[in-house]
Amino acid sequence: MKVEAISGPQGKGQSSGSDSVSMPIPYEKATTFAQYTPATQTEIEDAIKNALAVKEAWMNTPFTDRAAVFLRAAELISTKYRFEIMAATMMGQGKNAWQAEIDAAAELADFFRYNVGFAVSFHVLCSGVAH
C-alpha cells in the first residue's frame, strides 16, 4: 500500500519530499505494510492555510448539514468501508478481527454518532429551544 501526502483542495496528492518511509507490518517486520513520504514544511503550511481559508465557510454551514457529514461518515464506516478499516487495523497494528472491529470500525462510527448527539444537545441548549 502506498499512502500519499494530502495537500490542498486542488487534489494534489504527491508530496514533494523525496525521502520515502516504510512502515513494516508489526508482526512481520521484514514486510512493508505502507510507504509514505512525510509532508514538507511548505506542504504543512499550505495545509494550514487551506484549512483556515475554508474555516469561515464551514462555520457558516448550517448545523444540521455539518452534523449530516459526520453521520454519513459513521454510516459508511459501519457498512461500506467496515471491512477495509478492520483489515487496515489488523495489518497496521497487529490486531485480530475482534480487536479491529472494536478498536477501529465500531469505535470510530460510535465516536462520530455520539459526538453528533452531544452537539445536538449542546445546540438545543444554547439556542434555548425546548424538546
N, C-alpha and C. Protein backbone atom coordinates (compact mmCIF):
# COMPACT_ATOMS: atom_id res chain seq x y z
N MET A 1 0.86 -1.17 0.00
CA MET A 1 0.00 0.00 0.00
C MET A 1 0.90 1.22 0.00
N LYS A 2 0.56 2.21 -0.80
CA LYS A 2 1.30 3.47 -0.81
C LYS A 2 0.36 4.57 -0.36
N VAL A 3 0.78 5.31 0.66
CA VAL A 3 -0.01 6.41 1.19
C VAL A 3 0.60 7.70 0.69
N GLU A 4 -0.19 8.51 0.04
CA GLU A 4 0.32 9.76 -0.49
C GLU A 4 0.01 10.91 0.46
N ALA A 5 0.88 11.89 0.47
CA ALA A 5 0.63 13.07 1.28
C ALA A 5 -0.58 13.80 0.73
N ILE A 6 -1.36 14.40 1.60
CA ILE A 6 -2.56 15.12 1.19
C ILE A 6 -2.26 16.61 1.20
N SER A 7 -2.55 17.25 0.09
CA SER A 7 -2.33 18.68 0.00
C SER A 7 -3.65 19.41 0.10
N GLY A 8 -3.79 20.46 -0.68
CA GLY A 8 -4.98 21.29 -0.62
C GLY A 8 -6.11 20.80 -1.48
N PRO A 9 -7.14 21.64 -1.63
CA PRO A 9 -8.32 21.25 -2.38
C PRO A 9 -8.08 21.06 -3.87
N GLN A 10 -6.88 21.37 -4.35
CA GLN A 10 -6.57 21.19 -5.76
C GLN A 10 -6.44 19.72 -6.10
N GLY A 11 -6.39 18.85 -5.07
CA GLY A 11 -6.33 17.43 -5.30
C GLY A 11 -4.93 16.89 -5.54
N LYS A 12 -3.92 17.69 -5.29
CA LYS A 12 -2.55 17.22 -5.45
C LYS A 12 -2.24 16.28 -4.30
N GLY A 13 -1.86 15.07 -4.63
CA GLY A 13 -1.62 14.10 -3.59
C GLY A 13 -0.18 13.69 -3.43
N GLN A 14 0.69 14.11 -4.30
CA GLN A 14 2.07 13.71 -4.22
C GLN A 14 2.87 14.71 -3.40
N SER A 15 3.56 14.21 -2.43
CA SER A 15 4.43 15.04 -1.63
C SER A 15 5.66 15.38 -2.45
N SER A 16 6.19 16.58 -2.26
CA SER A 16 7.39 16.95 -2.99
C SER A 16 8.64 16.47 -2.26
N GLY A 17 8.45 15.93 -1.05
CA GLY A 17 9.58 15.37 -0.32
C GLY A 17 10.10 14.14 -1.04
N SER A 18 11.38 13.83 -0.85
CA SER A 18 11.95 12.72 -1.61
C SER A 18 12.26 11.51 -0.74
N ASP A 19 12.25 11.65 0.56
CA ASP A 19 12.63 10.56 1.44
C ASP A 19 11.41 9.72 1.82
N SER A 20 11.25 8.60 1.16
CA SER A 20 10.14 7.70 1.42
C SER A 20 10.41 6.92 2.71
N VAL A 21 9.37 6.73 3.50
CA VAL A 21 9.48 6.00 4.75
C VAL A 21 8.63 4.74 4.63
N SER A 22 9.18 3.62 5.06
CA SER A 22 8.46 2.35 5.04
C SER A 22 7.95 2.03 6.44
N MET A 23 6.71 1.54 6.50
CA MET A 23 6.13 1.10 7.77
C MET A 23 5.95 -0.41 7.68
N PRO A 24 6.65 -1.17 8.54
CA PRO A 24 6.51 -2.62 8.47
C PRO A 24 5.23 -3.12 9.13
N ILE A 25 4.84 -4.33 8.77
CA ILE A 25 3.74 -4.98 9.47
C ILE A 25 4.26 -5.30 10.87
N PRO A 26 3.52 -4.95 11.92
CA PRO A 26 4.04 -5.12 13.30
C PRO A 26 4.52 -6.53 13.63
N TYR A 27 3.86 -7.54 13.12
CA TYR A 27 4.22 -8.91 13.47
C TYR A 27 5.11 -9.57 12.42
N GLU A 28 5.46 -8.80 11.38
CA GLU A 28 6.30 -9.35 10.31
C GLU A 28 7.18 -8.21 9.79
N LYS A 29 8.17 -7.87 10.59
CA LYS A 29 8.98 -6.67 10.36
C LYS A 29 9.66 -6.62 8.99
N ALA A 30 9.88 -7.74 8.35
CA ALA A 30 10.54 -7.76 7.05
C ALA A 30 9.60 -7.36 5.91
N THR A 31 8.28 -7.31 6.20
CA THR A 31 7.30 -6.99 5.16
C THR A 31 6.79 -5.57 5.34
N THR A 32 6.82 -4.81 4.26
CA THR A 32 6.35 -3.43 4.29
C THR A 32 4.84 -3.39 4.17
N PHE A 33 4.19 -2.73 5.10
CA PHE A 33 2.74 -2.54 5.06
C PHE A 33 2.38 -1.31 4.25
N ALA A 34 3.13 -0.23 4.44
CA ALA A 34 2.84 1.02 3.73
C ALA A 34 4.14 1.79 3.52
N GLN A 35 4.14 2.59 2.48
CA GLN A 35 5.23 3.51 2.21
C GLN A 35 4.63 4.89 2.08
N TYR A 36 5.27 5.86 2.66
CA TYR A 36 4.78 7.23 2.55
C TYR A 36 5.95 8.20 2.55
N THR A 37 5.67 9.38 2.06
CA THR A 37 6.65 10.45 2.06
C THR A 37 6.16 11.50 3.02
N PRO A 38 6.90 11.76 4.08
CA PRO A 38 6.46 12.77 5.04
C PRO A 38 6.26 14.12 4.36
N ALA A 39 5.27 14.86 4.84
CA ALA A 39 4.99 16.18 4.28
C ALA A 39 6.15 17.12 4.58
N THR A 40 6.39 18.01 3.65
CA THR A 40 7.43 19.02 3.84
C THR A 40 6.86 20.19 4.64
N GLN A 41 7.72 21.04 5.11
CA GLN A 41 7.30 22.23 5.86
C GLN A 41 6.35 23.08 5.02
N THR A 42 6.64 23.23 3.74
CA THR A 42 5.78 24.01 2.84
C THR A 42 4.41 23.37 2.71
N GLU A 43 4.35 22.05 2.57
CA GLU A 43 3.07 21.35 2.46
C GLU A 43 2.25 21.50 3.74
N ILE A 44 2.91 21.45 4.87
CA ILE A 44 2.22 21.64 6.14
C ILE A 44 1.65 23.06 6.22
N GLU A 45 2.46 24.03 5.86
CA GLU A 45 1.99 25.42 5.89
C GLU A 45 0.84 25.63 4.90
N ASP A 46 0.92 25.02 3.72
CA ASP A 46 -0.17 25.12 2.74
C ASP A 46 -1.45 24.48 3.28
N ALA A 47 -1.32 23.33 3.95
CA ALA A 47 -2.49 22.66 4.50
C ALA A 47 -3.15 23.53 5.57
N ILE A 48 -2.35 24.16 6.41
CA ILE A 48 -2.90 25.07 7.43
C ILE A 48 -3.58 26.25 6.77
N LYS A 49 -2.94 26.82 5.76
CA LYS A 49 -3.52 27.96 5.04
C LYS A 49 -4.84 27.57 4.39
N ASN A 50 -4.89 26.39 3.76
CA ASN A 50 -6.12 25.92 3.12
C ASN A 50 -7.22 25.68 4.14
N ALA A 51 -6.86 25.11 5.29
CA ALA A 51 -7.85 24.86 6.35
C ALA A 51 -8.42 26.17 6.86
N LEU A 52 -7.57 27.15 7.06
CA LEU A 52 -8.05 28.46 7.53
C LEU A 52 -8.91 29.16 6.47
N ALA A 53 -8.61 28.90 5.19
CA ALA A 53 -9.38 29.51 4.11
C ALA A 53 -10.82 29.00 4.07
N VAL A 54 -11.04 27.75 4.44
CA VAL A 54 -12.39 27.18 4.40
C VAL A 54 -13.08 27.21 5.77
N LYS A 55 -12.37 27.65 6.78
CA LYS A 55 -12.91 27.67 8.14
C LYS A 55 -14.21 28.46 8.22
N GLU A 56 -14.23 29.63 7.66
CA GLU A 56 -15.41 30.50 7.71
C GLU A 56 -16.61 29.85 7.03
N ALA A 57 -16.37 29.24 5.89
CA ALA A 57 -17.48 28.58 5.17
C ALA A 57 -18.04 27.43 6.00
N TRP A 58 -17.16 26.65 6.65
CA TRP A 58 -17.62 25.54 7.49
C TRP A 58 -18.41 26.06 8.68
N MET A 59 -17.91 27.13 9.30
CA MET A 59 -18.60 27.71 10.45
C MET A 59 -19.98 28.25 10.06
N ASN A 60 -20.13 28.71 8.83
CA ASN A 60 -21.41 29.26 8.37
C ASN A 60 -22.33 28.20 7.74
N THR A 61 -21.84 26.98 7.66
CA THR A 61 -22.69 25.89 7.17
C THR A 61 -23.71 25.57 8.26
N PRO A 62 -24.97 25.41 7.89
CA PRO A 62 -25.98 25.11 8.92
C PRO A 62 -25.60 23.89 9.76
N PHE A 63 -25.94 23.96 11.04
CA PHE A 63 -25.59 22.89 11.97
C PHE A 63 -26.04 21.52 11.47
N THR A 64 -27.24 21.44 10.97
CA THR A 64 -27.76 20.13 10.52
C THR A 64 -26.95 19.57 9.37
N ASP A 65 -26.45 20.43 8.51
CA ASP A 65 -25.62 19.97 7.39
C ASP A 65 -24.26 19.47 7.89
N ARG A 66 -23.68 20.17 8.87
CA ARG A 66 -22.40 19.72 9.43
C ARG A 66 -22.58 18.38 10.15
N ALA A 67 -23.65 18.27 10.91
CA ALA A 67 -23.92 17.01 11.62
C ALA A 67 -24.12 15.88 10.61
N ALA A 68 -24.78 16.16 9.50
CA ALA A 68 -25.05 15.15 8.49
C ALA A 68 -23.76 14.59 7.89
N VAL A 69 -22.72 15.41 7.79
CA VAL A 69 -21.44 14.94 7.28
C VAL A 69 -20.89 13.84 8.18
N PHE A 70 -20.93 14.05 9.49
CA PHE A 70 -20.41 13.07 10.43
C PHE A 70 -21.29 11.83 10.51
N LEU A 71 -22.60 12.02 10.42
CA LEU A 71 -23.50 10.87 10.45
C LEU A 71 -23.33 10.02 9.19
N ARG A 72 -23.10 10.65 8.06
CA ARG A 72 -22.86 9.91 6.82
C ARG A 72 -21.53 9.15 6.90
N ALA A 73 -20.52 9.79 7.47
CA ALA A 73 -19.22 9.12 7.66
C ALA A 73 -19.40 7.90 8.55
N ALA A 74 -20.16 8.04 9.63
CA ALA A 74 -20.42 6.91 10.53
C ALA A 74 -21.13 5.79 9.80
N GLU A 75 -22.08 6.14 8.96
CA GLU A 75 -22.82 5.12 8.19
C GLU A 75 -21.88 4.38 7.24
N LEU A 76 -21.02 5.10 6.54
CA LEU A 76 -20.08 4.47 5.61
C LEU A 76 -19.08 3.59 6.34
N ILE A 77 -18.61 4.03 7.50
CA ILE A 77 -17.67 3.25 8.30
C ILE A 77 -18.34 1.97 8.78
N SER A 78 -19.62 2.06 9.12
CA SER A 78 -20.35 0.90 9.64
C SER A 78 -20.73 -0.10 8.56
N THR A 79 -20.74 0.32 7.32
CA THR A 79 -21.22 -0.55 6.26
C THR A 79 -20.16 -0.72 5.16
N LYS A 80 -20.14 0.18 4.23
CA LYS A 80 -19.32 0.05 3.02
C LYS A 80 -17.82 -0.13 3.30
N TYR A 81 -17.27 0.59 4.26
CA TYR A 81 -15.83 0.56 4.50
C TYR A 81 -15.43 -0.21 5.76
N ARG A 82 -16.38 -0.85 6.42
CA ARG A 82 -16.13 -1.54 7.69
C ARG A 82 -14.97 -2.54 7.57
N PHE A 83 -15.02 -3.42 6.58
CA PHE A 83 -14.01 -4.47 6.49
C PHE A 83 -12.66 -3.93 6.02
N GLU A 84 -12.66 -2.88 5.23
CA GLU A 84 -11.39 -2.26 4.84
C GLU A 84 -10.72 -1.61 6.04
N ILE A 85 -11.49 -0.95 6.87
CA ILE A 85 -10.95 -0.33 8.09
C ILE A 85 -10.43 -1.41 9.03
N MET A 86 -11.19 -2.48 9.17
CA MET A 86 -10.75 -3.58 10.02
C MET A 86 -9.46 -4.22 9.49
N ALA A 87 -9.40 -4.44 8.18
CA ALA A 87 -8.20 -5.05 7.59
C ALA A 87 -6.98 -4.16 7.78
N ALA A 88 -7.14 -2.87 7.55
CA ALA A 88 -6.02 -1.94 7.74
C ALA A 88 -5.57 -1.92 9.20
N THR A 89 -6.52 -1.98 10.12
CA THR A 89 -6.19 -2.01 11.55
C THR A 89 -5.46 -3.30 11.91
N MET A 90 -5.92 -4.41 11.37
CA MET A 90 -5.28 -5.69 11.64
C MET A 90 -3.84 -5.71 11.11
N MET A 91 -3.67 -5.23 9.89
CA MET A 91 -2.34 -5.24 9.28
C MET A 91 -1.42 -4.19 9.91
N GLY A 92 -1.93 -2.99 10.10
CA GLY A 92 -1.10 -1.89 10.57
C GLY A 92 -0.80 -1.91 12.05
N GLN A 93 -1.70 -2.51 12.84
CA GLN A 93 -1.50 -2.50 14.29
C GLN A 93 -1.34 -3.90 14.88
N GLY A 94 -1.44 -4.91 14.04
CA GLY A 94 -1.26 -6.27 14.51
C GLY A 94 -2.40 -6.77 15.39
N LYS A 95 -3.60 -6.28 15.15
CA LYS A 95 -4.76 -6.70 15.95
C LYS A 95 -5.49 -7.84 15.26
N ASN A 96 -6.26 -8.60 16.04
CA ASN A 96 -7.08 -9.64 15.43
C ASN A 96 -8.41 -9.02 14.98
N ALA A 97 -9.26 -9.81 14.34
CA ALA A 97 -10.51 -9.28 13.78
C ALA A 97 -11.42 -8.72 14.87
N TRP A 98 -11.51 -9.38 15.98
CA TRP A 98 -12.36 -8.92 17.08
C TRP A 98 -11.87 -7.57 17.60
N GLN A 99 -10.55 -7.45 17.81
CA GLN A 99 -9.98 -6.19 18.29
C GLN A 99 -10.15 -5.07 17.26
N ALA A 100 -9.97 -5.40 15.98
CA ALA A 100 -10.10 -4.39 14.93
C ALA A 100 -11.53 -3.88 14.85
N GLU A 101 -12.50 -4.77 15.00
CA GLU A 101 -13.91 -4.36 14.99
C GLU A 101 -14.19 -3.38 16.12
N ILE A 102 -13.73 -3.73 17.31
CA ILE A 102 -14.00 -2.88 18.48
C ILE A 102 -13.19 -1.59 18.44
N ASP A 103 -11.90 -1.71 18.15
CA ASP A 103 -11.00 -0.57 18.25
C ASP A 103 -11.05 0.40 17.08
N ALA A 104 -11.49 -0.07 15.93
CA ALA A 104 -11.46 0.81 14.75
C ALA A 104 -12.86 1.07 14.21
N ALA A 105 -13.47 0.09 13.61
CA ALA A 105 -14.74 0.31 12.92
C ALA A 105 -15.83 0.77 13.87
N ALA A 106 -16.12 0.00 14.91
CA ALA A 106 -17.20 0.36 15.83
C ALA A 106 -16.88 1.62 16.61
N GLU A 107 -15.66 1.72 17.08
CA GLU A 107 -15.26 2.88 17.90
C GLU A 107 -15.36 4.18 17.11
N LEU A 108 -14.88 4.17 15.88
CA LEU A 108 -14.91 5.39 15.07
C LEU A 108 -16.34 5.80 14.72
N ALA A 109 -17.16 4.83 14.31
CA ALA A 109 -18.57 5.14 14.00
C ALA A 109 -19.29 5.65 15.24
N ASP A 110 -19.06 5.01 16.39
CA ASP A 110 -19.67 5.47 17.64
C ASP A 110 -19.20 6.86 18.00
N PHE A 111 -17.92 7.12 17.81
CA PHE A 111 -17.36 8.45 18.11
C PHE A 111 -18.09 9.53 17.33
N PHE A 112 -18.28 9.30 16.03
CA PHE A 112 -18.99 10.29 15.21
C PHE A 112 -20.45 10.43 15.66
N ARG A 113 -21.12 9.32 15.86
CA ARG A 113 -22.55 9.38 16.23
C ARG A 113 -22.76 10.01 17.60
N TYR A 114 -22.00 9.57 18.59
CA TYR A 114 -22.18 10.11 19.94
C TYR A 114 -21.87 11.60 19.99
N ASN A 115 -20.81 12.00 19.30
CA ASN A 115 -20.46 13.41 19.34
C ASN A 115 -21.46 14.28 18.60
N VAL A 116 -22.08 13.75 17.55
CA VAL A 116 -23.18 14.49 16.92
C VAL A 116 -24.33 14.61 17.92
N GLY A 117 -24.60 13.54 18.66
CA GLY A 117 -25.65 13.59 19.68
C GLY A 117 -25.35 14.63 20.74
N PHE A 118 -24.10 14.67 21.21
CA PHE A 118 -23.72 15.68 22.19
C PHE A 118 -23.84 17.08 21.60
N ALA A 119 -23.44 17.24 20.36
CA ALA A 119 -23.53 18.55 19.70
C ALA A 119 -24.98 18.99 19.55
N VAL A 120 -25.87 18.04 19.23
CA VAL A 120 -27.29 18.37 19.13
C VAL A 120 -27.80 18.86 20.47
N SER A 121 -27.47 18.16 21.55
CA SER A 121 -27.89 18.58 22.89
C SER A 121 -27.36 19.97 23.22
N PHE A 122 -26.10 20.20 22.91
CA PHE A 122 -25.49 21.49 23.17
C PHE A 122 -26.14 22.58 22.32
N HIS A 123 -26.40 22.26 21.06
CA HIS A 123 -27.02 23.21 20.13
C HIS A 123 -28.41 23.60 20.63
N VAL A 124 -29.18 22.60 21.08
CA VAL A 124 -30.51 22.87 21.61
C VAL A 124 -30.42 23.70 22.87
N LEU A 125 -29.50 23.35 23.75
CA LEU A 125 -29.31 24.09 25.00
C LEU A 125 -28.95 25.55 24.74
N CYS A 126 -28.02 25.76 23.82
CA CYS A 126 -27.56 27.12 23.53
C CYS A 126 -28.58 27.95 22.77
N SER A 127 -29.41 27.29 21.97
CA SER A 127 -30.39 28.05 21.19
C SER A 127 -31.65 28.32 21.98
N GLY A 128 -31.79 27.70 23.16
CA GLY A 128 -32.96 27.94 24.00
C GLY A 128 -34.20 27.25 23.51
N VAL A 129 -34.05 26.30 22.59
CA VAL A 129 -35.20 25.57 22.07
C VAL A 129 -35.48 24.39 22.97
N ALA A 130 -36.72 24.23 23.39
CA ALA A 130 -37.10 23.10 24.22
C ALA A 130 -37.46 21.91 23.34
N HIS A 131 -37.22 20.71 23.86
CA HIS A 131 -37.58 19.49 23.10
C HIS A 131 -39.08 19.41 22.96
